[in-house]
Amino acid sequence: MSNAEKRSAVVFPRNQKVLGQLGENIKLARKRRKLTQTMLSERTGLSRITIRKIEQGDPRVSLGHYVAVLGVLGLVDDFLKVARDDELGRKLQDIELLRKKGETR
């Protein structure tokens, strides 16, 4: 399968904004550490083009590459915060539990 034939994820505009913000956050973290894109590229083994795409929030870059960059920046543990507080999931579960409780009466 050629690159042109590979399917890419559909990313809606709102979600693209989130990726763009993530990329900007990564770029700022890199600059705060006084690292150039070239230095980050050397430390991650990724091309400078890939680093640039990550900093632009490109959805075609693999999650593993984002993790590699965050690892070099010392921020990889931030991924543990994703979906940790699942408020909607807990509400849906509570509704189901209450529904089951009403059935046992």
PDB file of N, CA and C in Angstrom:
ATOM      1  N   MET A   1       0.852  -1.176   0.000  1.00  0.00           N
ATOM      2  CA  MET A   1       0.000   0.000   0.000  1.00  0.00           C
ATOM      3  C   MET A   1       0.899   1.241   0.000  1.00  0.00           C
ATOM      4  N   SER A   2       0.716   2.116  -0.937  1.00  0.00           N
ATOM      5  CA  SER A   2       1.538   3.321  -1.023  1.00  0.00           C
ATOM      6  C   SER A   2       1.044   4.366  -0.023  1.00  0.00           C
ATOM      7  N   ASN A   3       1.889   5.373   0.213  1.00  0.00           N
ATOM      8  CA  ASN A   3       1.497   6.452   1.130  1.00  0.00           C
ATOM      9  C   ASN A   3       0.224   7.136   0.669  1.00  0.00           C
ATOM     10  N   ALA A   4       0.039   7.272  -0.651  1.00  0.00           N
ATOM     11  CA  ALA A   4      -1.147   7.937  -1.179  1.00  0.00           C
ATOM     12  C   ALA A   4      -2.403   7.120  -0.903  1.00  0.00           C
ATOM     13  N   GLU A   5      -2.245   5.791  -0.785  1.00  0.00           N
ATOM     14  CA  GLU A   5      -3.398   4.930  -0.557  1.00  0.00           C
ATOM     15  C   GLU A   5      -3.741   4.762   0.922  1.00  0.00           C
ATOM     16  N   LYS A   6      -2.826   5.137   1.809  1.00  0.00           N
ATOM     17  CA  LYS A   6      -3.079   5.003   3.246  1.00  0.00           C
ATOM     18  C   LYS A   6      -4.216   5.923   3.655  1.00  0.00           C
ATOM     19  N   ARG A   7      -5.037   5.429   4.546  1.00  0.00           N
ATOM     20  CA  ARG A   7      -6.145   6.237   5.045  1.00  0.00           C
ATOM     21  C   ARG A   7      -5.659   7.056   6.221  1.00  0.00           C
ATOM     22  N   SER A   8      -6.081   8.290   6.275  1.00  0.00           N
ATOM     23  CA  SER A   8      -5.722   9.128   7.414  1.00  0.00           C
ATOM     24  C   SER A   8      -6.972   9.385   8.244  1.00  0.00           C
ATOM     25  N   ALA A   9      -6.736   9.692   9.496  1.00  0.00           N
ATOM     26  CA  ALA A   9      -7.842   9.930  10.416  1.00  0.00           C
ATOM     27  C   ALA A   9      -8.606  11.185  10.009  1.00  0.00           C
ATOM     28  N   VAL A  10      -9.905  11.135  10.193  1.00  0.00           N
ATOM     29  CA  VAL A  10     -10.731  12.320   9.974  1.00  0.00           C
ATOM     30  C   VAL A  10     -10.671  13.132  11.260  1.00  0.00           C
ATOM     31  N   VAL A  11     -10.200  14.364  11.143  1.00  0.00           N
ATOM     32  CA  VAL A  11     -10.076  15.224  12.318  1.00  0.00           C
ATOM     33  C   VAL A  11     -10.958  16.444  12.090  1.00  0.00           C
ATOM     34  N   PHE A  12     -11.965  16.575  12.915  1.00  0.00           N
ATOM     35  CA  PHE A  12     -12.886  17.686  12.794  1.00  0.00           C
ATOM     36  C   PHE A  12     -12.216  18.983  13.254  1.00  0.00           C
ATOM     37  N   PRO A  13     -12.692  20.129  12.789  1.00  0.00           N
ATOM     38  CA  PRO A  13     -12.042  21.413  13.099  1.00  0.00           C
ATOM     39  C   PRO A  13     -11.802  21.659  14.586  1.00  0.00           C
ATOM     40  N   ARG A  14     -12.766  21.334  15.423  1.00  0.00           N
ATOM     41  CA  ARG A  14     -12.593  21.560  16.867  1.00  0.00           C
ATOM     42  C   ARG A  14     -11.432  20.725  17.396  1.00  0.00           C
ATOM     43  N   ASN A  15     -11.348  19.483  16.942  1.00  0.00           N
ATOM     44  CA  ASN A  15     -10.266  18.613  17.387  1.00  0.00           C
ATOM     45  C   ASN A  15      -8.932  19.032  16.790  1.00  0.00           C
ATOM     46  N   GLN A  16      -8.951  19.576  15.581  1.00  0.00           N
ATOM     47  CA  GLN A  16      -7.723  20.082  14.982  1.00  0.00           C
ATOM     48  C   GLN A  16      -7.179  21.245  15.794  1.00  0.00           C
ATOM     49  N   LYS A  17      -8.081  22.061  16.344  1.00  0.00           N
ATOM     50  CA  LYS A  17      -7.640  23.160  17.211  1.00  0.00           C
ATOM     51  C   LYS A  17      -6.928  22.610  18.441  1.00  0.00           C
ATOM     52  N   VAL A  18      -7.427  21.502  18.982  1.00  0.00           N
ATOM     53  CA  VAL A  18      -6.795  20.872  20.146  1.00  0.00           C
ATOM     54  C   VAL A  18      -5.389  20.396  19.773  1.00  0.00           C
ATOM     55  N   LEU A  19      -5.266  19.756  18.621  1.00  0.00           N
ATOM     56  CA  LEU A  19      -3.945  19.308  18.175  1.00  0.00           C
ATOM     57  C   LEU A  19      -3.017  20.494  17.933  1.00  0.00           C
ATOM     58  N   GLY A  20      -3.561  21.548  17.369  1.00  0.00           N
ATOM     59  CA  GLY A  20      -2.769  22.758  17.150  1.00  0.00           C
ATOM     60  C   GLY A  20      -2.264  23.334  18.461  1.00  0.00           C
ATOM     61  N   GLN A  21      -3.115  23.330  19.483  1.00  0.00           N
ATOM     62  CA  GLN A  21      -2.705  23.829  20.801  1.00  0.00           C
ATOM     63  C   GLN A  21      -1.655  22.918  21.411  1.00  0.00           C
ATOM     64  N   LEU A  22      -1.819  21.600  21.247  1.00  0.00           N
ATOM     65  CA  LEU A  22      -0.814  20.656  21.743  1.00  0.00           C
ATOM     66  C   LEU A  22       0.529  20.932  21.076  1.00  0.00           C
ATOM     67  N   GLY A  23       0.509  21.127  19.769  1.00  0.00           N
ATOM     68  CA  GLY A  23       1.738  21.426  19.045  1.00  0.00           C
ATOM     69  C   GLY A  23       2.393  22.700  19.533  1.00  0.00           C
ATOM     70  N   GLU A  24       1.579  23.716  19.764  1.00  0.00           N
ATOM     71  CA  GLU A  24       2.102  24.986  20.267  1.00  0.00           C
ATOM     72  C   GLU A  24       2.694  24.818  21.664  1.00  0.00           C
ATOM     73  N   ASN A  25       2.026  24.034  22.505  1.00  0.00           N
ATOM     74  CA  ASN A  25       2.542  23.772  23.849  1.00  0.00           C
ATOM     75  C   ASN A  25       3.894  23.060  23.789  1.00  0.00           C
ATOM     76  N   ILE A  26       4.007  22.108  22.872  1.00  0.00           N
ATOM     77  CA  ILE A  26       5.269  21.384  22.700  1.00  0.00           C
ATOM     78  C   ILE A  26       6.366  22.334  22.215  1.00  0.00           C
ATOM     79  N   LYS A  27       6.020  23.195  21.281  1.00  0.00           N
ATOM     80  CA  LYS A  27       6.988  24.164  20.761  1.00  0.00           C
ATOM     81  C   LYS A  27       7.483  25.086  21.880  1.00  0.00           C
ATOM     82  N   LEU A  28       6.560  25.586  22.690  1.00  0.00           N
ATOM     83  CA  LEU A  28       6.940  26.458  23.801  1.00  0.00           C
ATOM     84  C   LEU A  28       7.817  25.721  24.815  1.00  0.00           C
ATOM     85  N   ALA A  29       7.479  24.473  25.093  1.00  0.00           N
ATOM     86  CA  ALA A  29       8.281  23.678  26.037  1.00  0.00           C
ATOM     87  C   ALA A  29       9.696  23.486  25.492  1.00  0.00           C
ATOM     88  N   ARG A  30       9.807  23.239  24.205  1.00  0.00           N
ATOM     89  CA  ARG A  30      11.122  23.087  23.583  1.00  0.00           C
ATOM     90  C   ARG A  30      11.930  24.368  23.712  1.00  0.00           C
ATOM     91  N   LYS A  31      11.292  25.488  23.402  1.00  0.00           N
ATOM     92  CA  LYS A  31      11.990  26.778  23.459  1.00  0.00           C
ATOM     93  C   LYS A  31      12.379  27.147  24.886  1.00  0.00           C
ATOM     94  N   ARG A  32      11.532  26.839  25.852  1.00  0.00           N
ATOM     95  CA  ARG A  32      11.866  27.119  27.253  1.00  0.00           C
ATOM     96  C   ARG A  32      13.131  26.369  27.677  1.00  0.00           C
ATOM     97  N   ARG A  33      13.332  25.203  27.083  1.00  0.00           N
ATOM     98  CA  ARG A  33      14.498  24.380  27.389  1.00  0.00           C
ATOM     99  C   ARG A  33      15.698  24.750  26.517  1.00  0.00           C
ATOM    100  N   LYS A  34      15.500  25.785  25.706  1.00  0.00           N
ATOM    101  CA  LYS A  34      16.538  26.284  24.805  1.00  0.00           C
ATOM    102  C   LYS A  34      17.048  25.206  23.853  1.00  0.00           C
ATOM    103  N   LEU A  35      16.098  24.400  23.352  1.00  0.00           N
ATOM    104  CA  LEU A  35      16.412  23.376  22.370  1.00  0.00           C
ATOM    105  C   LEU A  35      15.963  23.850  20.994  1.00  0.00           C
ATOM    106  N   THR A  36      16.749  23.564  19.987  1.00  0.00           N
ATOM    107  CA  THR A  36      16.334  23.845  18.615  1.00  0.00           C
ATOM    108  C   THR A  36      15.596  22.625  18.082  1.00  0.00           C
ATOM    109  N   GLN A  37      14.916  22.796  16.965  1.00  0.00           N
ATOM    110  CA  GLN A  37      14.264  21.650  16.331  1.00  0.00           C
ATOM    111  C   GLN A  37      15.306  20.602  15.945  1.00  0.00           C
ATOM    112  N   THR A  38      16.487  21.057  15.536  1.00  0.00           N
ATOM    113  CA  THR A  38      17.557  20.130  15.162  1.00  0.00           C
ATOM    114  C   THR A  38      18.003  19.315  16.371  1.00  0.00           C
ATOM    115  N   MET A  39      18.174  19.969  17.506  1.00  0.00           N
ATOM    116  CA  MET A  39      18.576  19.258  18.722  1.00  0.00           C
ATOM    117  C   MET A  39      17.512  18.240  19.129  1.00  0.00           C
ATOM    118  N   LEU A  40      16.256  18.630  19.056  1.00  0.00           N
ATOM    119  CA  LEU A  40      15.164  17.724  19.400  1.00  0.00           C
ATOM    120  C   LEU A  40      15.119  16.560  18.420  1.00  0.00           C
ATOM    121  N   SER A  41      15.368  16.841  17.177  1.00  0.00           N
ATOM    122  CA  SER A  41      15.417  15.815  16.150  1.00  0.00           C
ATOM    123  C   SER A  41      16.508  14.791  16.467  1.00  0.00           C
ATOM    124  N   GLU A  42      17.679  15.271  16.829  1.00  0.00           N
ATOM    125  CA  GLU A  42      18.795  14.376  17.153  1.00  0.00           C
ATOM    126  C   GLU A  42      18.499  13.533  18.377  1.00  0.00           C
ATOM    127  N   ARG A  43      17.853  14.111  19.364  1.00  0.00           N
ATOM    128  CA  ARG A  43      17.574  13.393  20.616  1.00  0.00           C
ATOM    129  C   ARG A  43      16.437  12.381  20.482  1.00  0.00           C
ATOM    130  N   THR A  44      15.522  12.623  19.555  1.00  0.00           N
ATOM    131  CA  THR A  44      14.390  11.705  19.375  1.00  0.00           C
ATOM    132  C   THR A  44      14.619  10.709  18.237  1.00  0.00           C
ATOM    133  N   GLY A  45      15.523  11.045  17.330  1.00  0.00           N
ATOM    134  CA  GLY A  45      15.723  10.207  16.147  1.00  0.00           C
ATOM    135  C   GLY A  45      14.696  10.491  15.060  1.00  0.00           C
ATOM    136  N   LEU A  46      13.907  11.541  15.243  1.00  0.00           N
ATOM    137  CA  LEU A  46      12.897  11.935  14.265  1.00  0.00           C
ATOM    138  C   LEU A  46      13.476  13.007  13.349  1.00  0.00           C
ATOM    139  N   SER A  47      12.944  13.127  12.156  1.00  0.00           N
ATOM    140  CA  SER A  47      13.411  14.163  11.237  1.00  0.00           C
ATOM    141  C   SER A  47      12.942  15.535  11.710  1.00  0.00           C
ATOM    142  N   ARG A  48      13.643  16.567  11.254  1.00  0.00           N
ATOM    143  CA  ARG A  48      13.228  17.931  11.588  1.00  0.00           C
ATOM    144  C   ARG A  48      11.847  18.214  11.014  1.00  0.00           C
ATOM    145  N   ILE A  49      11.548  17.629   9.872  1.00  0.00           N
ATOM    146  CA  ILE A  49      10.229  17.821   9.259  1.00  0.00           C
ATOM    147  C   ILE A  49       9.148  17.264  10.194  1.00  0.00           C
ATOM    148  N   THR A  50       9.396  16.103  10.781  1.00  0.00           N
ATOM    149  CA  THR A  50       8.425  15.515  11.709  1.00  0.00           C
ATOM    150  C   THR A  50       8.287  16.377  12.953  1.00  0.00           C
ATOM    151  N   ILE A  51       9.391  16.904  13.465  1.00  0.00           N
ATOM    152  CA  ILE A  51       9.331  17.796  14.626  1.00  0.00           C
ATOM    153  C   ILE A  51       8.478  19.013  14.283  1.00  0.00           C
ATOM    154  N   ARG A  52       8.701  19.567  13.105  1.00  0.00           N
ATOM    155  CA  ARG A  52       7.920  20.738  12.673  1.00  0.00           C
ATOM    156  C   ARG A  52       6.434  20.387  12.594  1.00  0.00           C
ATOM    157  N   LYS A  53       6.121  19.220  12.039  1.00  0.00           N
ATOM    158  CA  LYS A  53       4.721  18.793  11.937  1.00  0.00           C
ATOM    159  C   LYS A  53       4.090  18.621  13.313  1.00  0.00           C
ATOM    160  N   ILE A  54       4.850  18.075  14.251  1.00  0.00           N
ATOM    161  CA  ILE A  54       4.342  17.918  15.618  1.00  0.00           C
ATOM    162  C   ILE A  54       4.025  19.283  16.215  1.00  0.00           C
ATOM    163  N   GLU A  55       4.910  20.229  16.010  1.00  0.00           N
ATOM    164  CA  GLU A  55       4.700  21.573  16.563  1.00  0.00           C
ATOM    165  C   GLU A  55       3.560  22.309  15.870  1.00  0.00           C
ATOM    166  N   GLN A  56       3.141  21.813  14.719  1.00  0.00           N
ATOM    167  CA  GLN A  56       1.985  22.383  14.022  1.00  0.00           C
ATOM    168  C   GLN A  56       0.708  21.612  14.344  1.00  0.00           C
ATOM    169  N   GLY A  57       0.817  20.525  15.106  1.00  0.00           N
ATOM    170  CA  GLY A  57      -0.348  19.729  15.472  1.00  0.00           C
ATOM    171  C   GLY A  57      -0.861  18.878  14.330  1.00  0.00           C
ATOM    172  N   ASP A  58       0.035  18.396  13.500  1.00  0.00           N
ATOM    173  CA  ASP A  58      -0.346  17.586  12.336  1.00  0.00           C
ATOM    174  C   ASP A  58      -0.935  16.247  12.792  1.00  0.00           C
ATOM    175  N   PRO A  59      -2.185  15.940  12.418  1.00  0.00           N
ATOM    176  CA  PRO A  59      -2.825  14.698  12.862  1.00  0.00           C
ATOM    177  C   PRO A  59      -2.264  13.451  12.173  1.00  0.00           C
ATOM    178  N   ARG A  60      -1.460  13.632  11.141  1.00  0.00           N
ATOM    179  CA  ARG A  60      -0.905  12.479  10.432  1.00  0.00           C
ATOM    180  C   ARG A  60       0.334  11.918  11.113  1.00  0.00           C
ATOM    181  N   VAL A  61       0.881  12.655  12.089  1.00  0.00           N
ATOM    182  CA  VAL A  61       2.051  12.181  12.822  1.00  0.00           C
ATOM    183  C   VAL A  61       1.579  11.190  13.877  1.00  0.00           C
ATOM    184  N   SER A  62       2.308  10.077  14.005  1.00  0.00           N
ATOM    185  CA  SER A  62       1.871   9.038  14.943  1.00  0.00           C
ATOM    186  C   SER A  62       1.960   9.517  16.393  1.00  0.00           C
ATOM    187  N   LEU A  63       1.097   8.960  17.192  1.00  0.00           N
ATOM    188  CA  LEU A  63       1.083   9.279  18.613  1.00  0.00           C
ATOM    189  C   LEU A  63       2.419   8.926  19.254  1.00  0.00           C
ATOM    190  N   GLY A  64       3.039   7.864  18.765  1.00  0.00           N
ATOM    191  CA  GLY A  64       4.344   7.458  19.286  1.00  0.00           C
ATOM    192  C   GLY A  64       5.398   8.537  19.105  1.00  0.00           C
ATOM    193  N   HIS A  65       5.331   9.270  17.999  1.00  0.00           N
ATOM    194  CA  HIS A  65       6.278  10.349  17.756  1.00  0.00           C
ATOM    195  C   HIS A  65       6.037  11.507  18.733  1.00  0.00           C
ATOM    196  N   TYR A  66       4.761  11.807  18.977  1.00  0.00           N
ATOM    197  CA  TYR A  66       4.449  12.841  19.974  1.00  0.00           C
ATOM    198  C   TYR A  66       5.004  12.427  21.334  1.00  0.00           C
ATOM    199  N   VAL A  67       4.848  11.153  21.698  1.00  0.00           N
ATOM    200  CA  VAL A  67       5.336  10.648  22.981  1.00  0.00           C
ATOM    201  C   VAL A  67       6.857  10.730  23.042  1.00  0.00           C
ATOM    202  N   ALA A  68       7.536  10.423  21.941  1.00  0.00           N
ATOM    203  CA  ALA A  68       8.998  10.507  21.914  1.00  0.00           C
ATOM    204  C   ALA A  68       9.457  11.936  22.211  1.00  0.00           C
ATOM    205  N   VAL A  69       8.810  12.905  21.593  1.00  0.00           N
ATOM    206  CA  VAL A  69       9.157  14.306  21.807  1.00  0.00           C
ATOM    207  C   VAL A  69       8.872  14.701  23.256  1.00  0.00           C
ATOM    208  N   LEU A  70       7.698  14.334  23.752  1.00  0.00           N
ATOM    209  CA  LEU A  70       7.358  14.662  25.137  1.00  0.00           C
ATOM    210  C   LEU A  70       8.323  14.010  26.115  1.00  0.00           C
ATOM    211  N   GLY A  71       8.799  12.813  25.778  1.00  0.00           N
ATOM    212  CA  GLY A  71       9.770  12.127  26.629  1.00  0.00           C
ATOM    213  C   GLY A  71      11.064  12.906  26.742  1.00  0.00           C
ATOM    214  N   VAL A  72      11.563  13.398  25.624  1.00  0.00           N
ATOM    215  CA  VAL A  72      12.794  14.194  25.630  1.00  0.00           C
ATOM    216  C   VAL A  72      12.590  15.485  26.421  1.00  0.00           C
ATOM    217  N   LEU A  73      11.395  16.045  26.328  1.00  0.00           N
ATOM    218  CA  LEU A  73      11.108  17.298  27.046  1.00  0.00           C
ATOM    219  C   LEU A  73      10.789  17.068  28.532  1.00  0.00           C
ATOM    220  N   GLY A  74      10.703  15.799  28.939  1.00  0.00           N
ATOM    221  CA  GLY A  74      10.387  15.483  30.334  1.00  0.00           C
ATOM    222  C   GLY A  74       8.912  15.643  30.658  1.00  0.00           C
ATOM    223  N   LEU A  75       8.072  15.553  29.637  1.00  0.00           N
ATOM    224  CA  LEU A  75       6.633  15.786  29.831  1.00  0.00           C
ATOM    225  C   LEU A  75       5.765  14.570  29.487  1.00  0.00           C
ATOM    226  N   VAL A  76       6.373  13.420  29.285  1.00  0.00           N
ATOM    227  CA  VAL A  76       5.603  12.263  28.840  1.00  0.00           C
ATOM    228  C   VAL A  76       4.550  11.838  29.868  1.00  0.00           C
ATOM    229  N   ASP A  77       4.791  12.079  31.146  1.00  0.00           N
ATOM    230  CA  ASP A  77       3.807  11.698  32.170  1.00  0.00           C
ATOM    231  C   ASP A  77       2.507  12.476  32.051  1.00  0.00           C
ATOM    232  N   ASP A  78       2.527  13.582  31.306  1.00  0.00           N
ATOM    233  CA  ASP A  78       1.287  14.327  31.078  1.00  0.00           C
ATOM    234  C   ASP A  78       0.253  13.462  30.368  1.00  0.00           C
ATOM    235  N   PHE A  79       0.703  12.463  29.615  1.00  0.00           N
ATOM    236  CA  PHE A  79      -0.254  11.581  28.939  1.00  0.00           C
ATOM    237  C   PHE A  79      -1.077  10.773  29.920  1.00  0.00           C
ATOM    238  N   LEU A  80      -0.570  10.583  31.119  1.00  0.00           N
ATOM    239  CA  LEU A  80      -1.326   9.845  32.131  1.00  0.00           C
ATOM    240  C   LEU A  80      -2.552  10.621  32.598  1.00  0.00           C
ATOM    241  N   LYS A  81      -2.577  11.913  32.327  1.00  0.00           N
ATOM    242  CA  LYS A  81      -3.704  12.752  32.737  1.00  0.00           C
ATOM    243  C   LYS A  81      -4.863  12.691  31.744  1.00  0.00           C
ATOM    244  N   VAL A  82      -4.596  12.197  30.545  1.00  0.00           N
ATOM    245  CA  VAL A  82      -5.624  12.152  29.510  1.00  0.00           C
ATOM    246  C   VAL A  82      -6.707  11.155  29.912  1.00  0.00           C
ATOM    247  N   ALA A  83      -7.932  11.609  29.924  1.00  0.00           N
ATOM    248  CA  ALA A  83      -9.116  10.799  30.219  1.00  0.00           C
ATOM    249  C   ALA A  83      -9.120  10.221  31.638  1.00  0.00           C
ATOM    250  N   ARG A  84      -8.280  10.745  32.503  1.00  0.00           N
ATOM    251  CA  ARG A  84      -8.238  10.248  33.883  1.00  0.00           C
ATOM    252  C   ARG A  84      -9.519  10.590  34.626  1.00  0.00           C
ATOM    253  N   ASP A  85      -9.995  11.806  34.459  1.00  0.00           N
ATOM    254  CA  ASP A  85     -11.211  12.232  35.135  1.00  0.00           C
ATOM    255  C   ASP A  85     -12.358  12.163  34.132  1.00  0.00           C
ATOM    256  N   ASP A  86     -12.952  10.998  34.012  1.00  0.00           N
ATOM    257  CA  ASP A  86     -13.999  10.744  33.021  1.00  0.00           C
ATOM    258  C   ASP A  86     -15.365  11.062  33.619  1.00  0.00           C
ATOM    259  N   GLU A  87     -15.668  12.344  33.735  1.00  0.00           N
ATOM    260  CA  GLU A  87     -16.912  12.785  34.370  1.00  0.00           C
ATOM    261  C   GLU A  87     -18.141  12.254  33.630  1.00  0.00           C
ATOM    262  N   LEU A  88     -18.142  12.354  32.312  1.00  0.00           N
ATOM    263  CA  LEU A  88     -19.287  11.871  31.532  1.00  0.00           C
ATOM    264  C   LEU A  88     -19.471  10.366  31.712  1.00  0.00           C
ATOM    265  N   GLY A  89     -18.378   9.625  31.663  1.00  0.00           N
ATOM    266  CA  GLY A  89     -18.460   8.171  31.833  1.00  0.00           C
ATOM    267  C   GLY A  89     -19.031   7.781  33.183  1.00  0.00           C
ATOM    268  N   ARG A  90     -18.617   8.509  34.219  1.00  0.00           N
ATOM    269  CA  ARG A  90     -19.131   8.222  35.564  1.00  0.00           C
ATOM    270  C   ARG A  90     -20.616   8.542  35.659  1.00  0.00           C
ATOM    271  N   LYS A  91     -21.060   9.630  35.039  1.00  0.00           N
ATOM    272  CA  LYS A  91     -22.486   9.977  35.066  1.00  0.00           C
ATOM    273  C   LYS A  91     -23.306   8.912  34.349  1.00  0.00           C
ATOM    274  N   LEU A  92     -22.827   8.461  33.198  1.00  0.00           N
ATOM    275  CA  LEU A  92     -23.541   7.416  32.462  1.00  0.00           C
ATOM    276  C   LEU A  92     -23.608   6.131  33.278  1.00  0.00           C
ATOM    277  N   GLN A  93     -22.513   5.799  33.947  1.00  0.00           N
ATOM    278  CA  GLN A  93     -22.488   4.605  34.786  1.00  0.00           C
ATOM    279  C   GLN A  93     -23.457   4.749  35.961  1.00  0.00           C
ATOM    280  N   ASP A  94     -23.492   5.924  36.575  1.00  0.00           N
ATOM    281  CA  ASP A  94     -24.409   6.151  37.696  1.00  0.00           C
ATOM    282  C   ASP A  94     -25.865   6.018  37.255  1.00  0.00           C
ATOM    283  N   ILE A  95     -26.190   6.542  36.076  1.00  0.00           N
ATOM    284  CA  ILE A  95     -27.557   6.426  35.558  1.00  0.00           C
ATOM    285  C   ILE A  95     -27.916   4.954  35.400  1.00  0.00           C
ATOM    286  N   GLU A  96     -27.011   4.183  34.846  1.00  0.00           N
ATOM    287  CA  GLU A  96     -27.250   2.747  34.661  1.00  0.00           C
ATOM    288  C   GLU A  96     -27.397   2.039  36.001  1.00  0.00           C
ATOM    289  N   LEU A  97     -26.564   2.394  36.970  1.00  0.00           N
ATOM    290  CA  LEU A  97     -26.649   1.773  38.295  1.00  0.00           C
ATOM    291  C   LEU A  97     -27.976   2.111  38.967  1.00  0.00           C
ATOM    292  N   LEU A  98     -28.412   3.361  38.832  1.00  0.00           N
ATOM    293  CA  LEU A  98     -29.697   3.749  39.424  1.00  0.00           C
ATOM    294  C   LEU A  98     -30.848   3.025  38.743  1.00  0.00           C
ATOM    295  N   ARG A  99     -30.749   2.856  37.443  1.00  0.00           N
ATOM    296  CA  ARG A  99     -31.781   2.150  36.694  1.00  0.00           C
ATOM    297  C   ARG A  99     -31.864   0.697  37.186  1.00  0.00           C
ATOM    298  N   LYS A 100     -30.724   0.048  37.380  1.00  0.00           N
ATOM    299  CA  LYS A 100     -30.709  -1.334  37.856  1.00  0.00           C
ATOM    300  C   LYS A 100     -31.248  -1.414  39.278  1.00  0.00           C
ATOM    301  N   LYS A 101     -30.925  -0.429  40.113  1.00  0.00           N
ATOM    302  CA  LYS A 101     -31.413  -0.415  41.496  1.00  0.00           C
ATOM    303  C   LYS A 101     -32.933  -0.342  41.510  1.00  0.00           C
ATOM    304  N   GLY A 102     -33.516   0.445  40.614  1.00  0.00           N
ATOM    305  CA  GLY A 102     -34.973   0.558  40.534  1.00  0.00           C
ATOM    306  C   GLY A 102     -35.627  -0.738  40.094  1.00  0.00           C
ATOM    307  N   GLU A 103     -34.920  -1.537  39.310  1.00  0.00           N
ATOM    308  CA  GLU A 103     -35.475  -2.815  38.849  1.00  0.00           C
ATOM    309  C   GLU A 103     -35.513  -3.855  39.933  1.00  0.00           C
ATOM    310  N   THR A 104     -34.632  -3.744  40.932  1.00  0.00           N
ATOM    311  CA  THR A 104     -34.576  -4.767  41.993  1.00  0.00           C
ATOM    312  C   THR A 104     -35.574  -4.533  43.108  1.00  0.00           C
ATOM    313  N   ARG A 105     -36.265  -3.429  43.064  1.00  0.00           N
ATOM    314  CA  ARG A 105     -37.238  -3.129  44.123  1.00  0.00           C
ATOM    315  C   ARG A 105     -38.471  -3.931  43.990  1.00  0.00           C
TER     316      ARG A 105
END
